[in-house]
Amino acid sequence: MMARAYGLDLRQRVIEAIEGGMSTRTAARRYAIGESTAGSWHRRWRATGNVRPGRQGNPGGSLLDAHEAFILASVDEAVDITLAEIAERLARERSVTVDPSTIWYFFRRRGITYKKRPRTLRNRSVRMSA
């Protein structure tokens, strides 16, 4: 579970206190927040004029998005290529080092099923007579 951001009203009060001449440390103690938190809010406000928090969490996307055409072309070239072989080819030809599971997630996000199964003889069960 991710932590929630402090409210805008608290951020505004801290910034107003600092702008009013209070030190960052004193403002942080007064509002029971961390000194570095008060300082970062004030720096953000000075830089952008905005007190809203930034977006939390992973920004999304993948390192492999830039190499989508290359990966899909590799699969079209060699239909029986494995995820490990795609990873090796990315490392060799594009200098991108990724784990085969990252490539699996790449395909999953695009709704592409990519399952390699070894060819085996069909299982034939013989029914025994009583």
N, C-alpha and C. Protein backbone atom coordinates (compact mmCIF):
# COMPACT_ATOMS: atom_id res chain seq x y z
N MET A 1 0.84 -1.16 0.00
CA MET A 1 0.00 0.00 0.00
C MET A 1 0.90 1.25 0.00
N MET A 2 0.57 2.19 -0.83
CA MET A 2 1.37 3.40 -0.92
C MET A 2 0.90 4.42 0.11
N ALA A 3 1.83 5.21 0.59
CA ALA A 3 1.49 6.28 1.53
C ALA A 3 0.76 7.39 0.79
N ARG A 4 -0.12 8.04 1.47
CA ARG A 4 -0.84 9.15 0.85
C ARG A 4 -0.07 10.43 1.04
N ALA A 5 -0.23 11.36 0.14
CA ALA A 5 0.43 12.66 0.22
C ALA A 5 -0.27 13.50 1.29
N TYR A 6 0.50 14.40 1.89
CA TYR A 6 -0.09 15.36 2.83
C TYR A 6 -1.06 16.25 2.09
N GLY A 7 -2.02 16.82 2.82
CA GLY A 7 -3.04 17.68 2.22
C GLY A 7 -2.46 19.01 1.73
N LEU A 8 -3.16 19.60 0.79
CA LEU A 8 -2.72 20.88 0.22
C LEU A 8 -2.76 22.01 1.24
N ASP A 9 -3.74 21.95 2.16
CA ASP A 9 -3.84 23.01 3.17
C ASP A 9 -2.61 23.03 4.08
N LEU A 10 -2.13 21.86 4.47
CA LEU A 10 -0.92 21.78 5.31
C LEU A 10 0.29 22.29 4.53
N ARG A 11 0.41 21.89 3.31
CA ARG A 11 1.52 22.35 2.47
C ARG A 11 1.51 23.88 2.37
N GLN A 12 0.33 24.42 2.13
CA GLN A 12 0.21 25.88 1.99
C GLN A 12 0.59 26.59 3.29
N ARG A 13 0.14 26.09 4.42
CA ARG A 13 0.47 26.72 5.71
C ARG A 13 1.96 26.68 5.99
N VAL A 14 2.61 25.56 5.68
CA VAL A 14 4.06 25.44 5.90
C VAL A 14 4.79 26.45 5.01
N ILE A 15 4.42 26.54 3.77
CA ILE A 15 5.08 27.47 2.84
C ILE A 15 4.84 28.91 3.27
N GLU A 16 3.62 29.22 3.69
CA GLU A 16 3.33 30.59 4.16
C GLU A 16 4.16 30.92 5.39
N ALA A 17 4.34 29.96 6.28
CA ALA A 17 5.15 30.19 7.48
C ALA A 17 6.60 30.46 7.10
N ILE A 18 7.14 29.69 6.18
CA ILE A 18 8.53 29.88 5.75
C ILE A 18 8.67 31.21 5.03
N GLU A 19 7.73 31.52 4.16
CA GLU A 19 7.77 32.79 3.44
C GLU A 19 7.59 33.98 4.39
N GLY A 20 6.90 33.75 5.50
CA GLY A 20 6.67 34.79 6.50
C GLY A 20 7.89 35.03 7.39
N GLY A 21 8.97 34.30 7.16
CA GLY A 21 10.19 34.54 7.91
C GLY A 21 10.58 33.42 8.86
N MET A 22 9.74 32.43 9.02
CA MET A 22 10.06 31.33 9.92
C MET A 22 11.08 30.42 9.23
N SER A 23 11.99 29.86 9.99
CA SER A 23 12.97 28.95 9.40
C SER A 23 12.27 27.64 9.01
N THR A 24 12.87 26.94 8.09
CA THR A 24 12.31 25.67 7.64
C THR A 24 12.21 24.69 8.80
N ARG A 25 13.24 24.67 9.63
CA ARG A 25 13.26 23.76 10.78
C ARG A 25 12.13 24.09 11.77
N THR A 26 11.94 25.35 12.05
CA THR A 26 10.89 25.76 12.99
C THR A 26 9.51 25.47 12.42
N ALA A 27 9.32 25.75 11.14
CA ALA A 27 8.02 25.48 10.50
C ALA A 27 7.73 23.98 10.52
N ALA A 28 8.76 23.18 10.30
CA ALA A 28 8.57 21.73 10.31
C ALA A 28 8.14 21.25 11.70
N ARG A 29 8.80 21.79 12.74
CA ARG A 29 8.42 21.40 14.11
C ARG A 29 7.00 21.86 14.43
N ARG A 30 6.67 23.07 14.02
CA ARG A 30 5.35 23.63 14.32
C ARG A 30 4.23 22.76 13.72
N TYR A 31 4.43 22.26 12.52
CA TYR A 31 3.40 21.49 11.85
C TYR A 31 3.63 19.98 11.91
N ALA A 32 4.60 19.57 12.72
CA ALA A 32 4.87 18.15 12.98
C ALA A 32 5.13 17.35 11.70
N ILE A 33 6.03 17.90 10.88
CA ILE A 33 6.45 17.20 9.69
C ILE A 33 7.98 17.18 9.68
N GLY A 34 8.57 16.45 8.79
CA GLY A 34 10.02 16.37 8.70
C GLY A 34 10.62 17.66 8.13
N GLU A 35 11.83 17.96 8.56
CA GLU A 35 12.51 19.16 8.07
C GLU A 35 12.75 19.08 6.57
N SER A 36 13.17 17.93 6.11
CA SER A 36 13.43 17.78 4.68
C SER A 36 12.13 17.89 3.88
N THR A 37 11.02 17.45 4.46
CA THR A 37 9.73 17.57 3.79
C THR A 37 9.36 19.03 3.62
N ALA A 38 9.49 19.80 4.69
CA ALA A 38 9.18 21.23 4.62
C ALA A 38 10.09 21.92 3.61
N GLY A 39 11.37 21.57 3.63
CA GLY A 39 12.32 22.16 2.69
C GLY A 39 12.00 21.82 1.25
N SER A 40 11.64 20.56 1.00
CA SER A 40 11.34 20.17 -0.38
C SER A 40 10.04 20.82 -0.87
N TRP A 41 9.05 20.98 0.01
CA TRP A 41 7.83 21.68 -0.39
C TRP A 41 8.14 23.13 -0.76
N HIS A 42 8.97 23.76 0.05
CA HIS A 42 9.30 25.16 -0.21
C HIS A 42 10.10 25.29 -1.50
N ARG A 43 11.06 24.40 -1.72
CA ARG A 43 11.84 24.44 -2.97
C ARG A 43 10.94 24.22 -4.18
N ARG A 44 10.01 23.28 -4.06
CA ARG A 44 9.09 23.02 -5.17
C ARG A 44 8.22 24.24 -5.44
N TRP A 45 7.75 24.87 -4.38
CA TRP A 45 6.91 26.06 -4.55
C TRP A 45 7.71 27.20 -5.20
N ARG A 46 8.96 27.41 -4.77
CA ARG A 46 9.80 28.46 -5.39
C ARG A 46 10.09 28.16 -6.85
N ALA A 47 10.30 26.89 -7.17
CA ALA A 47 10.66 26.52 -8.55
C ALA A 47 9.46 26.53 -9.50
N THR A 48 8.30 26.08 -9.01
CA THR A 48 7.15 25.91 -9.91
C THR A 48 5.98 26.82 -9.58
N GLY A 49 5.94 27.35 -8.36
CA GLY A 49 4.79 28.14 -7.95
C GLY A 49 3.59 27.27 -7.60
N ASN A 50 3.82 25.99 -7.45
CA ASN A 50 2.75 25.03 -7.21
C ASN A 50 3.06 24.25 -5.94
N VAL A 51 2.03 23.98 -5.13
CA VAL A 51 2.23 23.20 -3.91
C VAL A 51 1.71 21.78 -4.05
N ARG A 52 1.10 21.47 -5.18
CA ARG A 52 0.55 20.13 -5.39
C ARG A 52 1.66 19.08 -5.40
N PRO A 53 1.39 17.91 -4.83
CA PRO A 53 2.40 16.86 -4.85
C PRO A 53 2.57 16.29 -6.26
N GLY A 54 3.75 15.74 -6.52
CA GLY A 54 3.99 15.07 -7.79
C GLY A 54 3.29 13.73 -7.81
N ARG A 55 3.24 13.12 -8.96
CA ARG A 55 2.60 11.82 -9.10
C ARG A 55 3.42 10.76 -8.38
N GLN A 56 2.75 9.88 -7.64
CA GLN A 56 3.42 8.81 -6.92
C GLN A 56 3.42 7.55 -7.75
N GLY A 57 4.41 6.71 -7.50
CA GLY A 57 4.43 5.40 -8.12
C GLY A 57 5.27 5.35 -9.38
N ASN A 58 5.25 4.19 -9.98
CA ASN A 58 6.01 3.94 -11.19
C ASN A 58 5.43 4.72 -12.35
N PRO A 59 6.26 5.42 -13.11
CA PRO A 59 5.73 6.21 -14.21
C PRO A 59 5.19 5.36 -15.36
N GLY A 60 5.41 4.08 -15.33
CA GLY A 60 4.89 3.21 -16.37
C GLY A 60 5.82 3.14 -17.56
N GLY A 61 5.43 2.35 -18.51
CA GLY A 61 6.29 2.17 -19.67
C GLY A 61 7.34 1.13 -19.39
N SER A 62 8.13 0.87 -20.40
CA SER A 62 9.14 -0.16 -20.29
C SER A 62 10.37 0.25 -21.07
N LEU A 63 11.49 -0.26 -20.66
CA LEU A 63 12.74 -0.06 -21.37
C LEU A 63 12.63 -0.63 -22.79
N LEU A 64 11.80 -1.65 -22.93
CA LEU A 64 11.68 -2.33 -24.22
C LEU A 64 10.74 -1.64 -25.20
N ASP A 65 9.97 -0.66 -24.75
CA ASP A 65 9.05 0.04 -25.65
C ASP A 65 9.78 0.64 -26.85
N ALA A 66 10.97 1.15 -26.63
CA ALA A 66 11.75 1.77 -27.72
C ALA A 66 12.25 0.72 -28.71
N HIS A 67 12.24 -0.54 -28.32
CA HIS A 67 12.76 -1.62 -29.16
C HIS A 67 11.65 -2.55 -29.67
N GLU A 68 10.42 -2.06 -29.63
CA GLU A 68 9.27 -2.90 -30.00
C GLU A 68 9.40 -3.46 -31.42
N ALA A 69 9.72 -2.63 -32.37
CA ALA A 69 9.82 -3.09 -33.77
C ALA A 69 10.90 -4.16 -33.91
N PHE A 70 12.01 -3.97 -33.22
CA PHE A 70 13.12 -4.94 -33.29
C PHE A 70 12.69 -6.29 -32.72
N ILE A 71 12.01 -6.27 -31.57
CA ILE A 71 11.59 -7.52 -30.92
C ILE A 71 10.56 -8.25 -31.79
N LEU A 72 9.58 -7.52 -32.29
CA LEU A 72 8.54 -8.16 -33.10
C LEU A 72 9.12 -8.68 -34.42
N ALA A 73 10.09 -7.96 -34.98
CA ALA A 73 10.75 -8.43 -36.20
C ALA A 73 11.55 -9.70 -35.91
N SER A 74 12.16 -9.78 -34.74
CA SER A 74 12.91 -10.98 -34.36
C SER A 74 12.00 -12.19 -34.28
N VAL A 75 10.80 -12.00 -33.76
CA VAL A 75 9.84 -13.10 -33.65
C VAL A 75 9.34 -13.49 -35.04
N ASP A 76 9.11 -12.51 -35.90
CA ASP A 76 8.65 -12.82 -37.26
C ASP A 76 9.72 -13.57 -38.05
N GLU A 77 10.98 -13.20 -37.83
CA GLU A 77 12.11 -13.85 -38.51
C GLU A 77 12.24 -15.31 -38.11
N ALA A 78 12.23 -15.55 -36.81
CA ALA A 78 12.41 -16.90 -36.28
C ALA A 78 11.26 -17.19 -35.33
N VAL A 79 10.25 -17.84 -35.85
CA VAL A 79 9.02 -18.08 -35.08
C VAL A 79 9.29 -18.90 -33.82
N ASP A 80 10.29 -19.76 -33.85
CA ASP A 80 10.57 -20.61 -32.70
C ASP A 80 11.64 -20.03 -31.77
N ILE A 81 11.89 -18.73 -31.84
CA ILE A 81 12.88 -18.09 -30.98
C ILE A 81 12.38 -18.07 -29.54
N THR A 82 13.27 -18.29 -28.59
CA THR A 82 12.88 -18.30 -27.17
C THR A 82 13.06 -16.91 -26.58
N LEU A 83 12.48 -16.71 -25.42
CA LEU A 83 12.62 -15.43 -24.73
C LEU A 83 14.08 -15.16 -24.39
N ALA A 84 14.81 -16.20 -24.00
CA ALA A 84 16.23 -16.06 -23.68
C ALA A 84 17.02 -15.65 -24.92
N GLU A 85 16.65 -16.21 -26.05
CA GLU A 85 17.34 -15.85 -27.30
C GLU A 85 17.04 -14.41 -27.70
N ILE A 86 15.82 -13.95 -27.46
CA ILE A 86 15.48 -12.55 -27.73
C ILE A 86 16.30 -11.65 -26.82
N ALA A 87 16.44 -12.04 -25.55
CA ALA A 87 17.24 -11.25 -24.60
C ALA A 87 18.70 -11.18 -25.06
N GLU A 88 19.23 -12.32 -25.51
CA GLU A 88 20.63 -12.35 -26.00
C GLU A 88 20.79 -11.46 -27.23
N ARG A 89 19.81 -11.53 -28.12
CA ARG A 89 19.89 -10.72 -29.34
C ARG A 89 19.80 -9.22 -29.02
N LEU A 90 18.96 -8.86 -28.07
CA LEU A 90 18.88 -7.45 -27.64
C LEU A 90 20.22 -6.98 -27.07
N ALA A 91 20.84 -7.83 -26.28
CA ALA A 91 22.14 -7.48 -25.68
C ALA A 91 23.21 -7.34 -26.76
N ARG A 92 23.20 -8.26 -27.69
CA ARG A 92 24.24 -8.28 -28.73
C ARG A 92 24.07 -7.14 -29.74
N GLU A 93 22.84 -6.92 -30.21
CA GLU A 93 22.62 -5.99 -31.31
C GLU A 93 22.18 -4.60 -30.87
N ARG A 94 21.61 -4.48 -29.67
CA ARG A 94 21.10 -3.19 -29.21
C ARG A 94 21.72 -2.72 -27.90
N SER A 95 22.60 -3.52 -27.32
CA SER A 95 23.24 -3.21 -26.03
C SER A 95 22.22 -2.96 -24.93
N VAL A 96 21.15 -3.74 -24.94
CA VAL A 96 20.10 -3.64 -23.92
C VAL A 96 20.10 -4.96 -23.15
N THR A 97 20.41 -4.89 -21.87
CA THR A 97 20.46 -6.09 -21.05
C THR A 97 19.16 -6.21 -20.25
N VAL A 98 18.40 -7.24 -20.54
CA VAL A 98 17.15 -7.50 -19.82
C VAL A 98 17.03 -8.99 -19.55
N ASP A 99 16.22 -9.32 -18.58
CA ASP A 99 15.93 -10.69 -18.22
C ASP A 99 14.82 -11.21 -19.13
N PRO A 100 14.80 -12.50 -19.44
CA PRO A 100 13.71 -13.02 -20.27
C PRO A 100 12.32 -12.72 -19.71
N SER A 101 12.19 -12.64 -18.39
CA SER A 101 10.87 -12.32 -17.83
C SER A 101 10.41 -10.92 -18.22
N THR A 102 11.34 -9.99 -18.40
CA THR A 102 10.98 -8.64 -18.84
C THR A 102 10.39 -8.69 -20.25
N ILE A 103 10.93 -9.55 -21.07
CA ILE A 103 10.41 -9.71 -22.43
C ILE A 103 9.02 -10.35 -22.36
N TRP A 104 8.84 -11.29 -21.44
CA TRP A 104 7.53 -11.91 -21.26
C TRP A 104 6.50 -10.85 -20.90
N TYR A 105 6.83 -9.93 -19.97
CA TYR A 105 5.91 -8.85 -19.58
C TYR A 105 5.64 -7.92 -20.77
N PHE A 106 6.66 -7.69 -21.60
CA PHE A 106 6.51 -6.87 -22.80
C PHE A 106 5.42 -7.47 -23.69
N PHE A 107 5.48 -8.78 -23.94
CA PHE A 107 4.47 -9.44 -24.76
C PHE A 107 3.11 -9.43 -24.06
N ARG A 108 3.10 -9.65 -22.78
CA ARG A 108 1.85 -9.70 -22.02
C ARG A 108 1.09 -8.38 -22.11
N ARG A 109 1.80 -7.25 -21.99
CA ARG A 109 1.16 -5.93 -22.07
C ARG A 109 0.52 -5.70 -23.43
N ARG A 110 1.02 -6.36 -24.44
CA ARG A 110 0.49 -6.20 -25.79
C ARG A 110 -0.52 -7.28 -26.16
N GLY A 111 -0.81 -8.16 -25.22
CA GLY A 111 -1.78 -9.22 -25.45
C GLY A 111 -1.27 -10.30 -26.39
N ILE A 112 0.05 -10.43 -26.50
CA ILE A 112 0.64 -11.44 -27.36
C ILE A 112 0.99 -12.64 -26.51
N THR A 113 0.42 -13.78 -26.85
CA THR A 113 0.78 -14.99 -26.12
C THR A 113 2.00 -15.58 -26.78
N TYR A 114 2.93 -15.94 -25.98
CA TYR A 114 4.20 -16.43 -26.51
C TYR A 114 4.62 -17.62 -25.69
N LYS A 115 4.18 -18.79 -26.12
CA LYS A 115 4.45 -19.99 -25.34
C LYS A 115 5.19 -20.99 -26.20
N LYS A 116 6.32 -21.43 -25.69
CA LYS A 116 7.10 -22.44 -26.39
C LYS A 116 6.83 -23.77 -25.71
N ARG A 117 6.43 -24.75 -26.50
CA ARG A 117 6.23 -26.08 -25.95
C ARG A 117 7.06 -27.06 -26.77
N PRO A 118 7.76 -27.94 -26.09
CA PRO A 118 8.52 -28.94 -26.85
C PRO A 118 7.56 -29.89 -27.56
N ARG A 119 7.95 -30.30 -28.73
CA ARG A 119 7.11 -31.23 -29.48
C ARG A 119 7.23 -32.61 -28.86
N THR A 120 6.10 -33.20 -28.53
CA THR A 120 6.09 -34.53 -27.93
C THR A 120 5.04 -35.37 -28.64
N LEU A 121 5.18 -36.67 -28.53
CA LEU A 121 4.18 -37.56 -29.10
C LEU A 121 2.90 -37.45 -28.29
N ARG A 122 1.81 -37.65 -28.99
CA ARG A 122 0.52 -37.59 -28.35
C ARG A 122 0.38 -38.75 -27.38
N ASN A 123 -0.19 -38.47 -26.22
CA ASN A 123 -0.38 -39.50 -25.22
C ASN A 123 -1.59 -40.34 -25.58
N ARG A 124 -1.36 -41.65 -25.69
CA ARG A 124 -2.46 -42.54 -26.01
C ARG A 124 -2.67 -43.50 -24.84
N SER A 125 -3.79 -43.38 -24.24
CA SER A 125 -4.12 -44.28 -23.14
C SER A 125 -4.85 -45.49 -23.71
N VAL A 126 -4.44 -46.65 -23.33
CA VAL A 126 -5.08 -47.86 -23.77
C VAL A 126 -6.01 -48.30 -22.68
N ARG A 127 -7.24 -48.53 -23.06
CA ARG A 127 -8.22 -48.96 -22.07
C ARG A 127 -8.03 -50.43 -21.79
N MET A 128 -7.92 -50.78 -20.54
CA MET A 128 -7.73 -52.16 -20.14
C MET A 128 -9.09 -52.84 -20.00
N SER A 129 -9.18 -54.06 -20.51
CA SER A 129 -10.43 -54.82 -20.37
C SER A 129 -10.43 -55.56 -19.05
N ALA A 130 -11.60 -55.70 -18.47
CA ALA A 130 -11.69 -56.41 -17.20
C ALA A 130 -11.91 -57.87 -17.35
